[in-house]
Amino acid sequence: MRRLLATIFTGWDSVFDVIPTVVIVAIIYWFSRRKKHKKQFGEDFKEVRRKARLNEIIRLLFVCYITGLACMTLFPVYFWGAIINLDINYLFSSHYSSWHFSYIPEIWTFITDRNLLPMKLWLKDFLGMALNVVLFVPLGFALPFVWKKASFLITALIGLAGTVFIELVVQPFISRDPTIDDIICNTLGTVIGYLLYLLIKKIFPRFTEKCKTPVLDANKKSLA
């Protein structure tokens, strides 16, 4: 079981490698935004920030998520670990690789031939797909809170465009093979995230509206 888990989560240890970068970006974002608002709203700064506190927290978490996602998908595997360990040879080595892209989803083979696969491979493929779905759920969930125009269709298209860019434009040049399965799973994750947002909105409508109140709307309420 230990070997199976190690195989399944190979590469996911890089999540810990990007934490320092995420923390640095979050600190810079938080203080620069506070400075901007203090200059913009003057004496009303504290009141405006108080009324928009939930939205500002969600925006901060969204910045952390996007930063982490970019670090894990737009750079070669173990890139940030190499920076932490000062592995100069790895950082300056070529990460370009030949690649192939199949338009036939492996998920179809996974579904139709799962009885022919060993249980370990079946579980590995299933959890790998599930993780790729979960990876984009925060995007679909948070986007409506930080952008009011983010409808279901717009959010789904952003998720699709984002994963297509990652898979077909970036990853072929950083020693990663793009797959149609990742595009399907990432887009599905974005859609699930938006559906979760709609569920929260239906159950807690007032709380949802508070979370969606940006500083500009909070400032209008303060002036009213």
Protein backbone atom coordinates (compact mmCIF):
# COMPACT_ATOMS: atom_id res chain seq x y z
CA MET A 1 0.00 0.00 0.00
CA ARG A 2 2.84 2.40 0.81
CA ARG A 3 4.40 1.84 -2.61
CA LEU A 4 1.03 2.31 -4.28
CA LEU A 5 0.45 5.65 -2.52
CA ALA A 6 3.97 6.78 -3.42
CA THR A 7 3.27 5.95 -7.07
CA ILE A 8 -0.11 7.67 -7.06
CA PHE A 9 1.14 10.88 -5.53
CA THR A 10 4.41 11.10 -7.46
CA GLY A 11 4.92 14.75 -8.33
CA TRP A 12 2.40 16.02 -5.79
CA ASP A 13 5.19 16.54 -3.27
CA SER A 14 5.98 19.58 -5.42
CA VAL A 15 2.96 21.21 -3.74
CA PHE A 16 5.14 21.78 -0.66
CA ASP A 17 7.94 23.20 -2.81
CA VAL A 18 5.73 26.06 -4.06
CA ILE A 19 4.53 27.12 -0.59
CA PRO A 20 7.33 29.69 -0.07
CA THR A 21 6.53 31.32 -3.43
CA VAL A 22 2.80 31.37 -2.65
CA VAL A 23 3.43 32.96 0.77
CA ILE A 24 5.69 35.66 -0.69
CA VAL A 25 3.17 36.53 -3.43
CA ALA A 26 0.33 36.59 -0.88
CA ILE A 27 2.19 38.99 1.41
CA ILE A 28 3.09 41.33 -1.45
CA TYR A 29 -0.50 41.26 -2.74
CA TRP A 30 -2.09 41.87 0.68
CA PHE A 31 0.06 44.83 1.70
CA SER A 32 0.10 46.45 -1.74
CA ARG A 33 -3.69 46.21 -1.90
CA ARG A 34 -4.05 47.70 1.58
CA LYS A 35 -1.75 50.56 0.59
CA LYS A 36 -3.79 51.17 -2.57
CA HIS A 37 -7.08 51.23 -0.66
CA LYS A 38 -5.70 53.49 2.07
CA LYS A 39 -4.71 56.01 -0.56
CA GLN A 40 -7.99 55.57 -2.47
CA PHE A 41 -10.49 55.80 0.40
CA GLY A 42 -8.66 57.98 2.93
CA GLU A 43 -10.62 58.32 6.18
CA ASP A 44 -13.14 55.69 5.06
CA PHE A 45 -10.39 53.10 4.58
CA LYS A 46 -11.07 51.02 7.71
CA GLU A 47 -14.84 51.06 7.27
CA VAL A 48 -14.65 50.07 3.60
CA ARG A 49 -12.18 47.29 4.30
CA ARG A 50 -14.38 46.02 7.13
CA LYS A 51 -17.45 45.77 4.92
CA ALA A 52 -15.48 44.09 2.14
CA ARG A 53 -13.41 41.88 4.46
CA LEU A 54 -14.88 38.56 3.28
CA ASN A 55 -14.40 39.43 -0.36
CA GLU A 56 -10.82 40.54 0.28
CA ILE A 57 -10.05 37.25 2.03
CA ILE A 58 -11.49 35.29 -0.88
CA ARG A 59 -9.43 37.37 -3.31
CA LEU A 60 -6.29 36.67 -1.27
CA LEU A 61 -7.00 32.92 -1.28
CA PHE A 62 -7.70 33.10 -5.01
CA VAL A 63 -4.32 34.76 -5.60
CA CYS A 64 -2.67 32.01 -3.53
CA TYR A 65 -4.47 29.35 -5.57
CA ILE A 66 -3.58 30.88 -8.95
CA THR A 67 0.04 31.31 -7.85
CA GLY A 68 0.27 27.70 -6.71
CA LEU A 69 -1.44 26.44 -9.86
CA ALA A 70 0.93 28.43 -12.06
CA CYS A 71 3.98 27.18 -10.16
CA MET A 72 2.90 23.55 -10.48
CA THR A 73 1.82 23.62 -14.14
CA LEU A 74 3.87 26.27 -15.94
CA PHE A 75 7.30 25.08 -14.81
CA PRO A 76 9.18 21.77 -15.14
CA VAL A 77 8.63 19.10 -12.52
CA TYR A 78 10.70 19.73 -9.35
CA PHE A 79 11.66 23.22 -10.61
CA TRP A 80 10.83 24.90 -7.29
CA GLY A 81 12.45 22.09 -5.36
CA ALA A 82 15.61 22.72 -7.37
CA ILE A 83 15.47 26.41 -6.43
CA ILE A 84 15.06 25.58 -2.75
CA ASN A 85 17.96 23.09 -2.92
CA LEU A 86 20.05 25.41 -5.14
CA ASP A 87 20.37 22.69 -7.78
CA ILE A 88 22.07 24.82 -10.44
CA ASN A 89 22.59 21.92 -12.85
CA TYR A 90 18.86 21.21 -12.99
CA LEU A 91 17.87 24.86 -13.35
CA PHE A 92 20.14 25.41 -16.35
CA SER A 93 19.47 22.07 -18.05
CA SER A 94 17.21 21.86 -21.09
CA HIS A 95 13.64 20.83 -20.30
CA TYR A 96 12.42 20.57 -23.87
CA SER A 97 11.20 17.12 -24.86
CA SER A 98 9.55 15.50 -27.83
CA TRP A 99 5.92 14.80 -27.13
CA HIS A 100 2.79 13.31 -28.57
CA PHE A 101 -0.86 14.16 -28.10
CA SER A 102 -3.66 11.64 -28.46
CA TYR A 103 -7.16 12.86 -29.19
CA ILE A 104 -8.62 9.61 -27.88
CA PRO A 105 -9.17 9.98 -24.13
CA GLU A 106 -7.46 7.36 -22.01
CA ILE A 107 -10.44 7.69 -19.69
CA TRP A 108 -12.45 5.79 -22.31
CA THR A 109 -9.97 2.90 -22.16
CA PHE A 110 -10.03 3.18 -18.38
CA ILE A 111 -13.83 2.76 -18.34
CA THR A 112 -14.16 0.06 -20.98
CA ASP A 113 -11.11 -2.05 -20.06
CA ARG A 114 -10.95 -1.55 -16.30
CA ASN A 115 -11.67 -5.25 -15.68
CA LEU A 116 -8.53 -6.09 -17.63
CA LEU A 117 -6.30 -3.77 -15.63
CA PRO A 118 -4.53 -4.78 -12.41
CA MET A 119 -6.20 -3.20 -9.38
CA LYS A 120 -3.12 -1.06 -8.61
CA LEU A 121 -3.08 0.50 -12.09
CA TRP A 122 -6.86 0.96 -12.03
CA LEU A 123 -6.70 2.76 -8.68
CA LYS A 124 -3.73 4.86 -9.79
CA ASP A 125 -5.50 6.01 -12.97
CA PHE A 126 -8.75 6.70 -11.12
CA LEU A 127 -7.12 8.79 -8.38
CA GLY A 128 -4.96 10.61 -10.93
CA MET A 129 -8.09 11.69 -12.81
CA ALA A 130 -9.84 12.63 -9.56
CA LEU A 131 -6.91 14.82 -8.52
CA ASN A 132 -6.99 16.60 -11.88
CA VAL A 133 -10.67 17.30 -11.33
CA VAL A 134 -10.12 18.58 -7.78
CA LEU A 135 -7.23 20.79 -8.95
CA PHE A 136 -9.61 23.09 -10.88
CA VAL A 137 -12.60 23.04 -8.50
CA PRO A 138 -11.34 26.16 -6.61
CA LEU A 139 -11.21 28.07 -9.92
CA GLY A 140 -14.88 27.45 -10.68
CA PHE A 141 -15.90 28.11 -7.08
CA ALA A 142 -13.96 31.33 -6.43
CA LEU A 143 -14.25 33.06 -9.80
CA PRO A 144 -17.88 34.24 -9.27
CA PHE A 145 -16.82 35.82 -5.96
CA VAL A 146 -14.00 37.87 -7.48
CA TRP A 147 -15.70 38.68 -10.80
CA LYS A 148 -19.44 39.37 -10.87
CA LYS A 149 -19.69 38.76 -14.63
CA ALA A 150 -18.47 35.18 -14.23
CA SER A 151 -21.55 33.25 -15.37
CA PHE A 152 -21.63 29.47 -15.71
CA LEU A 153 -20.66 29.61 -19.39
CA ILE A 154 -17.88 32.18 -18.89
CA THR A 155 -16.44 30.23 -15.96
CA ALA A 156 -16.49 26.95 -17.88
CA LEU A 157 -14.82 28.60 -20.90
CA ILE A 158 -12.12 30.12 -18.67
CA GLY A 159 -11.45 26.69 -17.16
CA LEU A 160 -11.29 25.12 -20.63
CA ALA A 161 -9.06 27.88 -22.04
CA GLY A 162 -6.77 27.71 -19.02
CA THR A 163 -6.20 23.97 -19.22
CA VAL A 164 -5.79 24.04 -23.02
CA PHE A 165 -3.12 26.74 -22.63
CA ILE A 166 -1.34 24.70 -19.96
CA GLU A 167 -1.55 21.38 -21.80
CA LEU A 168 -0.92 22.43 -25.40
CA VAL A 169 1.12 25.64 -25.18
CA VAL A 170 3.30 25.28 -22.08
CA GLN A 171 3.75 21.65 -21.07
CA PRO A 172 5.25 20.38 -24.37
CA PHE A 173 8.25 22.63 -23.63
CA ILE A 174 8.81 21.60 -20.01
CA SER A 175 9.18 17.83 -20.35
CA ARG A 176 5.51 17.06 -19.76
CA ASP A 177 3.22 15.18 -22.12
CA PRO A 178 -0.14 16.92 -22.68
CA THR A 179 -3.22 14.71 -22.53
CA ILE A 180 -6.83 15.17 -23.55
CA ASP A 181 -7.78 13.53 -20.23
CA ASP A 182 -6.29 16.44 -18.26
CA ILE A 183 -8.27 18.91 -20.36
CA ILE A 184 -11.49 16.98 -19.73
CA CYS A 185 -10.86 16.54 -15.99
CA ASN A 186 -9.72 20.14 -15.40
CA THR A 187 -12.74 21.55 -17.22
CA LEU A 188 -15.03 19.20 -15.31
CA GLY A 189 -13.45 20.40 -12.07
CA THR A 190 -14.16 24.02 -13.02
CA VAL A 191 -17.81 23.18 -13.73
CA ILE A 192 -18.15 21.31 -10.43
CA GLY A 193 -16.65 24.30 -8.62
CA TYR A 194 -19.24 26.65 -10.13
CA LEU A 195 -22.05 24.23 -9.22
CA LEU A 196 -20.77 24.25 -5.63
CA TYR A 197 -20.91 28.06 -5.73
CA LEU A 198 -24.55 27.91 -6.88
CA LEU A 199 -25.33 25.47 -4.06
CA ILE A 200 -23.75 27.74 -1.43
CA LYS A 201 -25.59 30.71 -2.94
CA LYS A 202 -28.92 28.89 -2.66
CA ILE A 203 -28.37 27.71 0.91
CA PHE A 204 -26.72 30.89 2.25
CA PRO A 205 -27.86 33.77 0.00
CA ARG A 206 -27.05 36.61 2.43
CA PHE A 207 -23.64 35.23 3.31
CA THR A 208 -22.88 34.76 -0.40
CA GLU A 209 -23.76 38.38 -1.14
CA LYS A 210 -21.49 39.57 1.68
CA CYS A 211 -18.67 37.48 0.23
CA LYS A 212 -19.27 39.04 -3.20
CA THR A 213 -19.20 42.65 -1.93
CA PRO A 214 -16.00 44.27 -3.29
CA VAL A 215 -14.40 47.39 -1.85
CA LEU A 216 -15.98 49.68 -4.46
CA ASP A 217 -19.50 48.55 -3.52
CA ALA A 218 -18.60 48.79 0.16
CA ASN A 219 -17.45 52.37 -0.41
CA LYS A 220 -20.76 53.25 -2.09
CA LYS A 221 -22.64 51.89 0.91
CA SER A 222 -20.45 53.93 3.24
CA LEU A 223 -21.21 57.11 1.29
CA ALA A 224 -24.94 56.37 1.11
